[in-house]
Amino acid sequence: MALGVVILLLVDVIWVVSSELTSYIFKRQEYNKPFFSTFTKTSMFVLYLLGFLLWRPWRQQCTGTLKRRHSAFSEPLYVPVKFQDVPAEHSQFLIGDYESSASKKHRVRFSNVMEVRQLPSTQALEAKLSRMSYPAAKDHEAMLRTVGKLTITDVAKISFFFCFVWFLANLSYQEALSDMQVAIVNILSSTSGLFTLILAAIFPSSSSDRFTLSKLLVVALSMGGVTLVSFSSMDNPDEKGFIGSLWSLAGAILYAVYIVMIKRRVDREDKLDIPMFFGFVGLFNLLLLWPGFLLLHYTGFEAFELPSQLVWTYILINGLIGTVLSEFLWLWGCFLTSSLIGTLSLSLTIPLSILADIYMQKVRFSWLFFAGAVPVFLSFIIATMLCHYNNWDPVLVGLRRVYAFICRKHRIQRCAVCFDGCEMNAFHMAISCMAICTNRPFPDGVRITKVLQRSVLRVNLNVTWSPRG
């Protein structure tokens, strides 16, 4: 657990340093090429595919896929047909008798043998686990993880579809870094969790994606903070605050689309091999997106120009450590801790980037920036908690308790008024009954008081349990 937390903290530091280095390349080294930077770093994900050479389970899965492609079932085995509950010596007699009767009545003639084929190992394992009881299957958790695992072909298809969304999300983030400070970009990019809540409610993949009052409050809190941070970014005349804010929000929306759509395609996260997925994303990015250089060059949006040797070194180091290694370390840290802690650790990039801009870039932020950073930071943490605990709606629970408390207090006040009137009526009724039943005065005042108290108590109990009360 402690090692996982240390790894996640290291990942936060790596991501902040990577963003600061990218901003340094764009502004100080005057190599403002977001498409080139995104293409190079995303293509370096292809290094994950070296796992087919180094990682034995991937090699076994690859050879198993090829074998299943050639023959899904084993070679046929022909076995004589035997009737149930009939001895073996009588089966041939019954078969012959059936053949003779079938020939007389001109019916379909069936074979005396049956064809038997063996299922593949994966399908046989699924069939075996499906026949087990729940406690018995729970004891084979390692086997359950392998059941339903996506094949290499399925992972490649999903990577091909999401390659473009992933690239556009990262390109928007790089474009925002070229226009604004790292702290502002990270704060606006953290709203991807809020857009994920909205899109998951519109395109739900499970019952836990329903929109609640708590999620609505978190969205409103985050949008208020984003508005303040966006206004604070417009105070600096040297930066394109409005355009950078749009790029940051566009990247957050695209990342939310990526998260929601991949969740609809893959219902369980353990079914998808994440390193293999990113490896194919890097491969398709390298093979399919290079024409973007020609498009941007001839349209004038980004002229193609190779960087200097120093900038090449910065980009390669940033891609290896800030992209490839950081993703592997983050997955490892989530495995050692939990997905909740891993997602909450992302929120630490906000204060770390603020400190990095203040002490390294000597940036001075206005009070609007800090007033907007706090609600965005809190909304990110709350949204993560709401996504982890699926059916938790604390706002609705609180409103119900307040409503119950108000109704209970009002009911108690009404009952108190009714009881006061009933006590007076009970007192007069008791005096009248005693006066009628007894023709003499009571010498003992204490005894009269106790009798009156018992009479009032009986009347109060009757009023309390009466349907009218």
Protein backbone atom coordinates (compact mmCIF):
# COMPACT_ATOMS: atom_id res chain seq x y z
CA MET A 1 0.00 0.00 0.00
CA ALA A 2 2.75 2.47 0.98
CA LEU A 3 4.75 1.61 -2.14
CA GLY A 4 1.69 2.25 -4.31
CA VAL A 5 1.12 5.68 -2.76
CA VAL A 6 4.78 6.61 -3.31
CA ILE A 7 4.54 5.51 -6.96
CA LEU A 8 1.38 7.59 -7.51
CA LEU A 9 3.04 10.65 -5.98
CA LEU A 10 6.02 10.10 -8.27
CA VAL A 11 3.65 9.94 -11.25
CA ASP A 12 2.11 13.29 -10.25
CA VAL A 13 5.56 14.88 -10.13
CA ILE A 14 6.45 13.35 -13.53
CA TRP A 15 3.27 14.69 -15.15
CA VAL A 16 3.77 18.21 -13.80
CA VAL A 17 7.42 18.26 -14.87
CA SER A 18 6.40 16.90 -18.30
CA SER A 19 3.85 19.70 -18.73
CA GLU A 20 6.38 22.32 -17.64
CA LEU A 21 8.96 20.91 -20.07
CA THR A 22 6.42 21.01 -22.91
CA SER A 23 5.58 24.62 -22.09
CA TYR A 24 9.32 25.41 -21.98
CA ILE A 25 9.81 23.89 -25.46
CA PHE A 26 6.90 25.86 -26.91
CA LYS A 27 7.75 29.23 -25.37
CA ARG A 28 11.43 29.39 -24.43
CA GLN A 29 12.85 27.22 -27.23
CA GLU A 30 10.38 28.78 -29.68
CA TYR A 31 9.37 25.43 -31.15
CA ASN A 32 5.61 25.84 -30.99
CA LYS A 33 4.59 22.63 -32.78
CA PRO A 34 1.79 20.96 -30.77
CA PHE A 35 0.94 18.44 -33.52
CA PHE A 36 4.55 17.32 -33.88
CA SER A 37 4.93 16.98 -30.10
CA THR A 38 1.68 15.02 -29.73
CA PHE A 39 2.44 12.75 -32.68
CA THR A 40 5.94 11.93 -31.43
CA LYS A 41 4.99 11.22 -27.83
CA THR A 42 1.85 9.24 -28.68
CA SER A 43 3.72 7.16 -31.26
CA MET A 44 6.18 6.15 -28.55
CA PHE A 45 3.40 4.02 -27.03
CA VAL A 46 4.39 1.48 -29.66
CA LEU A 47 7.22 0.48 -27.30
CA TYR A 48 4.61 -1.37 -25.26
CA LEU A 49 4.29 -3.87 -28.12
CA LEU A 50 7.75 -5.16 -27.24
CA GLY A 51 5.82 -7.15 -24.66
CA PHE A 52 5.12 -9.71 -27.39
CA LEU A 53 8.84 -10.46 -27.32
CA LEU A 54 9.47 -10.10 -23.58
CA TRP A 55 6.19 -11.05 -21.88
CA ARG A 56 5.35 -14.76 -22.02
CA PRO A 57 1.53 -14.48 -21.51
CA TRP A 58 1.29 -12.21 -24.55
CA ARG A 59 3.23 -14.71 -26.67
CA GLN A 60 1.01 -17.55 -25.46
CA GLN A 61 -2.10 -15.52 -26.23
CA CYS A 62 -0.76 -14.77 -29.70
CA THR A 63 0.00 -18.42 -30.49
CA GLY A 64 -3.35 -19.47 -28.99
CA THR A 65 -5.17 -17.00 -31.24
CA LEU A 66 -3.46 -18.40 -34.31
CA LYS A 67 -4.35 -21.95 -33.33
CA ARG A 68 -8.00 -21.05 -32.73
CA ARG A 69 -8.12 -19.25 -36.05
CA HIS A 70 -7.13 -22.44 -37.92
CA SER A 71 -9.35 -24.81 -35.96
CA ALA A 72 -11.90 -23.74 -33.39
CA PHE A 73 -12.65 -27.35 -32.44
CA SER A 74 -10.59 -30.48 -32.19
CA GLU A 75 -10.54 -33.27 -34.75
CA PRO A 76 -13.83 -35.24 -34.84
CA LEU A 77 -14.12 -38.45 -32.88
CA TYR A 78 -16.89 -40.90 -33.83
CA VAL A 79 -18.46 -42.88 -30.98
CA PRO A 80 -21.25 -45.52 -31.25
CA VAL A 81 -24.64 -44.32 -30.06
CA LYS A 82 -25.81 -45.74 -26.75
CA PHE A 83 -29.30 -45.35 -25.33
CA GLN A 84 -29.69 -44.15 -21.76
CA ASP A 85 -30.82 -46.65 -19.11
CA VAL A 86 -30.29 -49.54 -21.53
CA PRO A 87 -27.52 -52.13 -21.16
CA ALA A 88 -24.79 -52.10 -23.80
CA GLU A 89 -25.64 -55.64 -25.09
CA HIS A 90 -29.22 -54.54 -25.89
CA SER A 91 -28.27 -51.30 -27.65
CA GLN A 92 -27.29 -53.04 -30.91
CA PHE A 93 -30.57 -54.98 -30.86
CA LEU A 94 -32.56 -51.75 -30.38
CA ILE A 95 -30.64 -50.02 -33.14
CA GLY A 96 -31.30 -52.90 -35.54
CA ASP A 97 -34.96 -53.01 -34.60
CA TYR A 98 -35.20 -49.23 -35.12
CA GLU A 99 -33.57 -49.55 -38.54
CA SER A 100 -35.99 -52.28 -39.61
CA SER A 101 -39.03 -50.33 -38.43
CA ALA A 102 -37.71 -47.15 -40.04
CA SER A 103 -37.20 -48.93 -43.36
CA LYS A 104 -40.75 -50.27 -43.27
CA LYS A 105 -42.29 -46.86 -42.53
CA HIS A 106 -39.92 -44.99 -44.89
CA ARG A 107 -38.64 -42.60 -42.22
CA VAL A 108 -35.30 -40.81 -41.93
CA ARG A 109 -32.46 -43.14 -41.17
CA PHE A 110 -30.06 -41.92 -38.48
CA SER A 111 -26.44 -42.93 -38.12
CA ASN A 112 -25.36 -45.44 -35.51
CA VAL A 113 -22.43 -43.27 -34.45
CA MET A 114 -22.21 -39.75 -33.07
CA GLU A 115 -19.56 -37.13 -33.80
CA VAL A 116 -17.71 -35.70 -30.78
CA ARG A 117 -15.50 -32.58 -30.91
CA GLN A 118 -13.61 -30.96 -28.06
CA LEU A 119 -14.08 -27.28 -27.22
CA PRO A 120 -11.09 -24.91 -27.03
CA SER A 121 -9.56 -24.51 -23.60
CA THR A 122 -11.01 -21.02 -23.04
CA GLN A 123 -14.55 -22.02 -23.92
CA ALA A 124 -14.24 -25.22 -21.90
CA LEU A 125 -13.17 -23.15 -18.88
CA GLU A 126 -16.15 -20.85 -19.26
CA ALA A 127 -18.50 -23.83 -19.53
CA LYS A 128 -16.98 -25.38 -16.44
CA LEU A 129 -17.28 -22.22 -14.36
CA SER A 130 -20.85 -21.65 -15.50
CA ARG A 131 -21.88 -25.00 -13.98
CA MET A 132 -20.26 -24.23 -10.61
CA SER A 133 -22.06 -22.75 -7.66
CA TYR A 134 -21.18 -19.23 -6.58
CA PRO A 135 -18.99 -20.25 -3.57
CA ALA A 136 -17.14 -22.80 -5.70
CA ALA A 137 -16.55 -20.32 -8.51
CA LYS A 138 -15.44 -17.67 -6.00
CA ASP A 139 -12.56 -19.94 -4.99
CA HIS A 140 -11.23 -19.81 -8.56
CA GLU A 141 -10.74 -16.04 -8.83
CA ALA A 142 -7.57 -16.44 -10.87
CA MET A 143 -9.51 -18.51 -13.38
CA LEU A 144 -12.35 -15.98 -13.39
CA ARG A 145 -9.96 -13.20 -14.40
CA THR A 146 -8.95 -15.09 -17.50
CA VAL A 147 -12.55 -15.76 -18.52
CA GLY A 148 -13.86 -13.12 -20.92
CA LYS A 149 -10.43 -11.60 -21.52
CA LEU A 150 -10.38 -9.79 -24.83
CA THR A 151 -8.28 -11.36 -27.52
CA ILE A 152 -5.49 -9.59 -29.36
CA THR A 153 -7.79 -8.97 -32.32
CA ASP A 154 -10.46 -7.39 -30.11
CA VAL A 155 -7.92 -5.15 -28.37
CA ALA A 156 -6.54 -4.04 -31.75
CA LYS A 157 -10.04 -3.17 -33.00
CA ILE A 158 -10.81 -1.09 -29.90
CA SER A 159 -7.43 0.65 -30.18
CA PHE A 160 -8.10 1.50 -33.82
CA PHE A 161 -11.42 3.12 -32.93
CA PHE A 162 -10.14 5.12 -29.95
CA CYS A 163 -6.80 6.09 -31.45
CA PHE A 164 -8.25 9.22 -33.05
CA VAL A 165 -10.16 10.36 -29.95
CA TRP A 166 -7.09 9.85 -27.76
CA PHE A 167 -4.88 11.79 -30.19
CA LEU A 168 -7.31 14.71 -30.47
CA ALA A 169 -7.64 14.93 -26.68
CA ASN A 170 -3.86 15.10 -26.24
CA LEU A 171 -3.51 17.53 -29.14
CA SER A 172 -6.00 19.88 -27.48
CA TYR A 173 -4.00 19.69 -24.25
CA GLN A 174 -0.76 20.51 -26.11
CA GLU A 175 -2.43 23.42 -27.90
CA ALA A 176 -3.62 24.78 -24.55
CA LEU A 177 -0.07 24.55 -23.14
CA SER A 178 1.17 26.69 -26.01
CA ASP A 179 -1.29 29.47 -25.10
CA MET A 180 -1.60 29.42 -21.29
CA GLN A 181 0.17 28.60 -18.04
CA VAL A 182 0.41 24.97 -16.94
CA ALA A 183 -1.60 25.51 -13.74
CA ILE A 184 -4.57 27.02 -15.60
CA VAL A 185 -4.49 24.24 -18.21
CA ASN A 186 -4.43 21.50 -15.55
CA ILE A 187 -7.33 23.06 -13.65
CA LEU A 188 -9.50 23.35 -16.75
CA SER A 189 -8.49 19.88 -17.94
CA SER A 190 -9.56 18.38 -14.62
CA THR A 191 -13.17 19.10 -15.59
CA SER A 192 -13.07 15.92 -17.68
CA GLY A 193 -14.53 14.11 -14.68
CA LEU A 194 -17.56 16.41 -14.74
CA PHE A 195 -18.10 15.92 -18.46
CA THR A 196 -17.77 12.19 -17.84
CA LEU A 197 -20.66 12.36 -15.35
CA ILE A 198 -22.84 14.21 -17.85
CA LEU A 199 -22.06 11.94 -20.81
CA ALA A 200 -22.44 8.81 -18.69
CA ALA A 201 -25.93 9.98 -17.70
CA ILE A 202 -26.81 10.61 -21.37
CA PHE A 203 -25.23 7.37 -22.64
CA PRO A 204 -25.37 5.05 -19.63
CA SER A 205 -23.47 1.77 -19.75
CA SER A 206 -24.88 0.51 -16.42
CA SER A 207 -27.45 1.40 -13.77
CA SER A 208 -24.80 3.25 -11.76
CA ASP A 209 -24.50 5.97 -14.44
CA ARG A 210 -27.78 7.65 -13.52
CA PHE A 211 -27.65 11.39 -12.86
CA THR A 212 -28.25 12.41 -9.24
CA LEU A 213 -28.62 15.62 -7.26
CA SER A 214 -25.09 15.23 -5.91
CA LYS A 215 -23.68 15.04 -9.43
CA LEU A 216 -25.71 18.09 -10.45
CA LEU A 217 -24.29 20.04 -7.50
CA VAL A 218 -20.75 18.97 -8.39
CA VAL A 219 -21.24 20.05 -12.01
CA ALA A 220 -22.52 23.47 -10.92
CA LEU A 221 -19.62 23.87 -8.48
CA SER A 222 -17.07 22.97 -11.12
CA MET A 223 -18.57 25.21 -13.78
CA GLY A 224 -18.47 28.14 -11.40
CA GLY A 225 -14.79 27.52 -10.70
CA VAL A 226 -14.02 27.12 -14.41
CA THR A 227 -15.67 30.46 -15.13
CA LEU A 228 -13.51 32.23 -12.53
CA VAL A 229 -10.31 30.58 -13.73
CA SER A 230 -11.13 31.46 -17.35
CA PHE A 231 -11.69 35.11 -16.44
CA SER A 232 -8.40 35.18 -14.52
CA SER A 233 -6.52 33.88 -17.57
CA MET A 234 -7.68 36.87 -19.61
CA ASP A 235 -5.84 39.32 -17.36
CA ASN A 236 -2.46 38.52 -18.95
CA PRO A 237 -2.19 40.33 -22.31
CA ASP A 238 0.78 38.18 -23.40
CA GLU A 239 -1.30 34.99 -23.48
CA LYS A 240 -4.31 33.87 -25.48
CA GLY A 241 -6.52 33.22 -22.46
CA PHE A 242 -9.84 32.65 -24.19
CA ILE A 243 -8.44 30.40 -26.93
CA GLY A 244 -6.40 28.43 -24.40
CA SER A 245 -9.46 27.92 -22.22
CA LEU A 246 -11.38 26.57 -25.21
CA TRP A 247 -8.55 24.16 -26.06
CA SER A 248 -8.42 22.93 -22.44
CA LEU A 249 -12.17 22.37 -22.26
CA ALA A 250 -12.14 20.68 -25.69
CA GLY A 251 -9.47 18.27 -24.45
CA ALA A 252 -11.49 17.57 -21.30
CA ILE A 253 -14.63 16.83 -23.34
CA LEU A 254 -12.74 14.54 -25.75
CA TYR A 255 -11.18 12.66 -22.86
CA ALA A 256 -14.64 12.25 -21.30
CA VAL A 257 -15.93 10.90 -24.63
CA TYR A 258 -13.03 8.45 -24.68
CA ILE A 259 -13.78 7.24 -21.12
CA VAL A 260 -17.53 6.84 -21.62
CA MET A 261 -17.29 5.13 -25.01
CA ILE A 262 -14.61 2.68 -23.93
CA LYS A 263 -16.70 1.82 -20.88
CA ARG A 264 -19.61 0.99 -23.17
CA ARG A 265 -17.38 -1.26 -25.27
CA VAL A 266 -15.64 -2.93 -22.30
CA ASP A 267 -17.89 -3.54 -19.30
CA ARG A 268 -15.06 -4.70 -16.98
CA GLU A 269 -11.66 -3.06 -16.82
CA ASP A 270 -9.87 -6.39 -16.21
CA LYS A 271 -11.06 -7.65 -19.61
CA LEU A 272 -8.88 -5.12 -21.45
CA ASP A 273 -5.09 -5.38 -21.36
CA ILE A 274 -4.22 -1.69 -20.90
CA PRO A 275 -0.51 -1.82 -21.98
CA MET A 276 -1.46 -3.78 -25.10
CA PHE A 277 -4.24 -1.27 -25.78
CA PHE A 278 -1.84 1.70 -25.60
CA GLY A 279 0.70 -0.20 -27.68
CA PHE A 280 -1.78 -0.57 -30.53
CA VAL A 281 -2.84 3.07 -30.09
CA GLY A 282 0.77 4.10 -30.67
CA LEU A 283 1.05 1.79 -33.68
CA PHE A 284 -2.11 3.09 -35.37
CA ASN A 285 -1.11 6.65 -34.52
CA LEU A 286 2.24 6.11 -36.26
CA LEU A 287 0.73 4.46 -39.34
CA LEU A 288 -2.42 6.52 -39.88
CA LEU A 289 -1.94 10.07 -38.59
CA TRP A 290 1.25 11.13 -40.37
CA PRO A 291 -0.75 12.78 -43.23
CA GLY A 292 -1.71 15.40 -40.65
CA PHE A 293 1.72 16.98 -41.14
CA LEU A 294 0.95 17.62 -44.82
CA LEU A 295 -2.54 18.91 -44.08
CA LEU A 296 -1.40 21.38 -41.42
CA HIS A 297 1.65 22.45 -43.42
CA TYR A 298 -0.17 23.35 -46.62
CA THR A 299 -3.11 24.96 -44.79
CA GLY A 300 -0.73 27.13 -42.79
CA PHE A 301 -1.83 26.06 -39.30
CA GLU A 302 1.49 24.44 -38.37
CA ALA A 303 4.47 24.57 -40.71
CA PHE A 304 6.50 21.36 -40.72
CA GLU A 305 9.98 21.89 -39.33
CA LEU A 306 12.36 19.43 -37.72
CA PRO A 307 13.52 20.50 -34.26
CA SER A 308 17.09 21.11 -33.21
CA GLN A 309 19.14 18.43 -31.51
CA LEU A 310 18.45 19.89 -28.07
CA VAL A 311 14.71 20.05 -28.67
CA TRP A 312 14.77 16.50 -30.06
CA THR A 313 16.37 15.38 -26.79
CA TYR A 314 13.74 17.17 -24.72
CA ILE A 315 10.87 15.68 -26.74
CA LEU A 316 12.24 12.13 -26.61
CA ILE A 317 12.93 12.30 -22.86
CA ASN A 318 9.50 13.80 -22.30
CA GLY A 319 7.88 11.05 -24.36
CA LEU A 320 9.76 8.19 -22.70
CA ILE A 321 9.34 9.36 -19.10
CA GLY A 322 6.31 11.65 -19.20
CA THR A 323 4.18 9.45 -21.48
CA VAL A 324 5.33 5.82 -21.67
CA LEU A 325 6.87 5.31 -18.22
CA SER A 326 4.28 7.43 -16.38
CA GLU A 327 1.36 5.40 -17.76
CA PHE A 328 3.04 2.16 -16.68
CA LEU A 329 3.81 3.54 -13.19
CA TRP A 330 0.26 4.86 -12.79
CA LEU A 331 -1.22 1.47 -13.66
CA TRP A 332 1.20 -0.19 -11.27
CA GLY A 333 0.29 2.25 -8.49
CA CYS A 334 -3.43 1.64 -9.05
CA PHE A 335 -2.79 -2.10 -8.85
CA LEU A 336 -0.95 -1.72 -5.53
CA THR A 337 -3.59 0.62 -4.01
CA SER A 338 -6.99 1.00 -5.71
CA SER A 339 -8.57 2.74 -8.66
CA LEU A 340 -10.11 5.33 -6.29
CA ILE A 341 -6.75 6.35 -4.83
CA GLY A 342 -5.23 6.36 -8.32
CA THR A 343 -7.89 8.73 -9.61
CA LEU A 344 -7.72 10.96 -6.55
CA SER A 345 -3.96 11.25 -7.01
CA LEU A 346 -4.61 13.03 -10.30
CA SER A 347 -6.03 15.97 -8.35
CA LEU A 348 -2.61 16.61 -6.82
CA THR A 349 -1.36 17.83 -10.19
CA ILE A 350 -3.39 21.03 -9.63
CA PRO A 351 -1.54 22.32 -6.51
CA LEU A 352 1.77 20.96 -7.79
CA SER A 353 1.43 22.81 -11.09
CA ILE A 354 0.47 26.01 -9.23
CA LEU A 355 3.60 25.75 -7.09
CA ALA A 356 5.73 24.97 -10.15
CA ASP A 357 4.46 28.06 -11.99
CA ILE A 358 4.96 30.28 -8.97
CA TYR A 359 8.49 29.17 -8.05
CA MET A 360 9.86 28.14 -11.46
CA GLN A 361 8.09 30.44 -13.92
CA LYS A 362 7.70 33.35 -11.44
CA VAL A 363 4.03 33.68 -12.32
CA ARG A 364 1.67 35.78 -10.21
CA PHE A 365 -1.95 34.65 -10.19
CA SER A 366 -4.89 36.89 -9.36
CA TRP A 367 -7.43 36.26 -6.64
CA LEU A 368 -9.93 35.09 -9.27
CA PHE A 369 -7.60 32.21 -10.11
CA PHE A 370 -7.42 30.94 -6.53
CA ALA A 371 -11.16 31.55 -6.00
CA GLY A 372 -11.89 29.34 -8.98
CA ALA A 373 -9.17 26.73 -8.32
CA VAL A 374 -10.63 25.71 -4.94
CA PRO A 375 -14.13 24.67 -6.18
CA VAL A 376 -12.64 22.89 -9.21
CA PHE A 377 -10.25 20.97 -6.97
CA LEU A 378 -13.03 20.01 -4.55
CA SER A 379 -15.44 19.06 -7.34
CA PHE A 380 -12.81 16.75 -8.85
CA ILE A 381 -12.43 14.88 -5.55
CA ILE A 382 -16.20 14.70 -4.97
CA ALA A 383 -16.84 13.50 -8.52
CA THR A 384 -14.26 10.75 -8.05
CA MET A 385 -15.96 9.62 -4.84
CA LEU A 386 -19.39 9.63 -6.50
CA CYS A 387 -18.07 7.55 -9.41
CA HIS A 388 -16.47 5.05 -7.02
CA TYR A 389 -19.55 4.63 -4.83
CA ASN A 390 -22.11 4.06 -7.56
CA ASN A 391 -25.46 4.53 -5.84
CA TRP A 392 -24.37 7.13 -3.29
CA ASP A 393 -26.33 10.40 -3.35
CA PRO A 394 -25.49 12.33 -0.15
CA VAL A 395 -27.37 15.47 -1.21
CA LEU A 396 -30.63 13.57 -1.62
CA VAL A 397 -30.08 11.75 1.67
CA GLY A 398 -29.45 15.07 3.45
CA LEU A 399 -32.55 16.68 1.98
CA ARG A 400 -34.67 13.73 3.06
CA ARG A 401 -33.35 13.95 6.62
CA VAL A 402 -33.99 17.69 6.80
CA TYR A 403 -37.51 17.18 5.46
CA ALA A 404 -38.15 14.40 7.98
CA PHE A 405 -36.82 16.56 10.82
CA ILE A 406 -39.04 19.53 9.86
CA CYS A 407 -42.12 17.33 9.52
CA ARG A 408 -41.40 15.65 12.84
CA LYS A 409 -40.97 18.98 14.62
CA HIS A 410 -44.21 20.30 13.15
CA ARG A 411 -46.01 17.10 14.12
CA ILE A 412 -44.73 17.34 17.71
CA GLN A 413 -45.97 20.93 17.98
CA ARG A 414 -49.42 19.96 16.75
CA CYS A 415 -49.56 17.01 19.13
CA ALA A 416 -48.53 19.23 22.04
CA VAL A 417 -51.41 21.64 21.33
CA CYS A 418 -53.86 18.73 21.09
CA PHE A 419 -52.57 17.19 24.32
CA ASP A 420 -53.02 20.48 26.20
CA GLY A 421 -56.65 20.63 25.20
CA CYS A 422 -57.17 16.95 25.97
CA GLU A 423 -55.61 17.36 29.42
CA MET A 424 -58.05 20.16 30.29
CA ASN A 425 -60.98 18.12 29.05
CA ALA A 426 -59.76 15.07 30.96
CA PHE A 427 -59.45 17.11 34.13
CA HIS A 428 -63.03 18.37 33.92
CA MET A 429 -64.29 14.91 32.96
CA ALA A 430 -62.56 13.33 35.96
CA ILE A 431 -63.96 15.93 38.36
CA SER A 432 -67.45 15.42 36.98
CA CYS A 433 -67.25 11.64 37.21
CA MET A 434 -65.99 11.75 40.77
CA ALA A 435 -68.68 14.20 41.78
CA ILE A 436 -71.37 11.98 40.34
CA CYS A 437 -70.07 8.66 41.63
CA THR A 438 -69.27 9.89 45.14
CA ASN A 439 -71.61 11.94 47.30
CA ARG A 440 -68.89 12.96 49.76
CA PRO A 441 -65.81 15.20 49.44
CA PHE A 442 -62.33 13.61 49.32
CA PRO A 443 -60.43 14.30 52.50
CA ASP A 444 -57.07 13.30 51.04
CA GLY A 445 -55.88 15.86 48.45
CA VAL A 446 -52.90 13.74 47.39
CA ARG A 447 -55.19 10.82 46.61
CA ILE A 448 -57.41 13.08 44.48
CA THR A 449 -54.31 14.29 42.57
CA LYS A 450 -53.17 10.72 41.84
CA VAL A 451 -56.65 9.75 40.62
CA LEU A 452 -56.75 12.78 38.34
CA GLN A 453 -53.27 12.00 36.96
CA ARG A 454 -54.28 8.42 36.16
CA SER A 455 -57.43 9.64 34.44
CA VAL A 456 -55.49 12.18 32.36
CA LEU A 457 -52.93 9.52 31.40
CA ARG A 458 -55.66 7.14 30.19
CA VAL A 459 -57.23 9.88 28.06
CA ASN A 460 -53.86 10.94 26.63
CA LEU A 461 -53.04 7.37 25.63
CA ASN A 462 -56.39 7.01 23.92
CA VAL A 463 -55.87 10.27 22.04
CA THR A 464 -52.32 9.35 21.06
CA TRP A 465 -53.25 6.04 19.45
CA SER A 466 -56.51 7.33 17.97
CA PRO A 467 -56.60 7.54 14.13
CA ARG A 468 -57.85 11.11 14.37
CA GLY A 469 -54.79 12.17 16.38
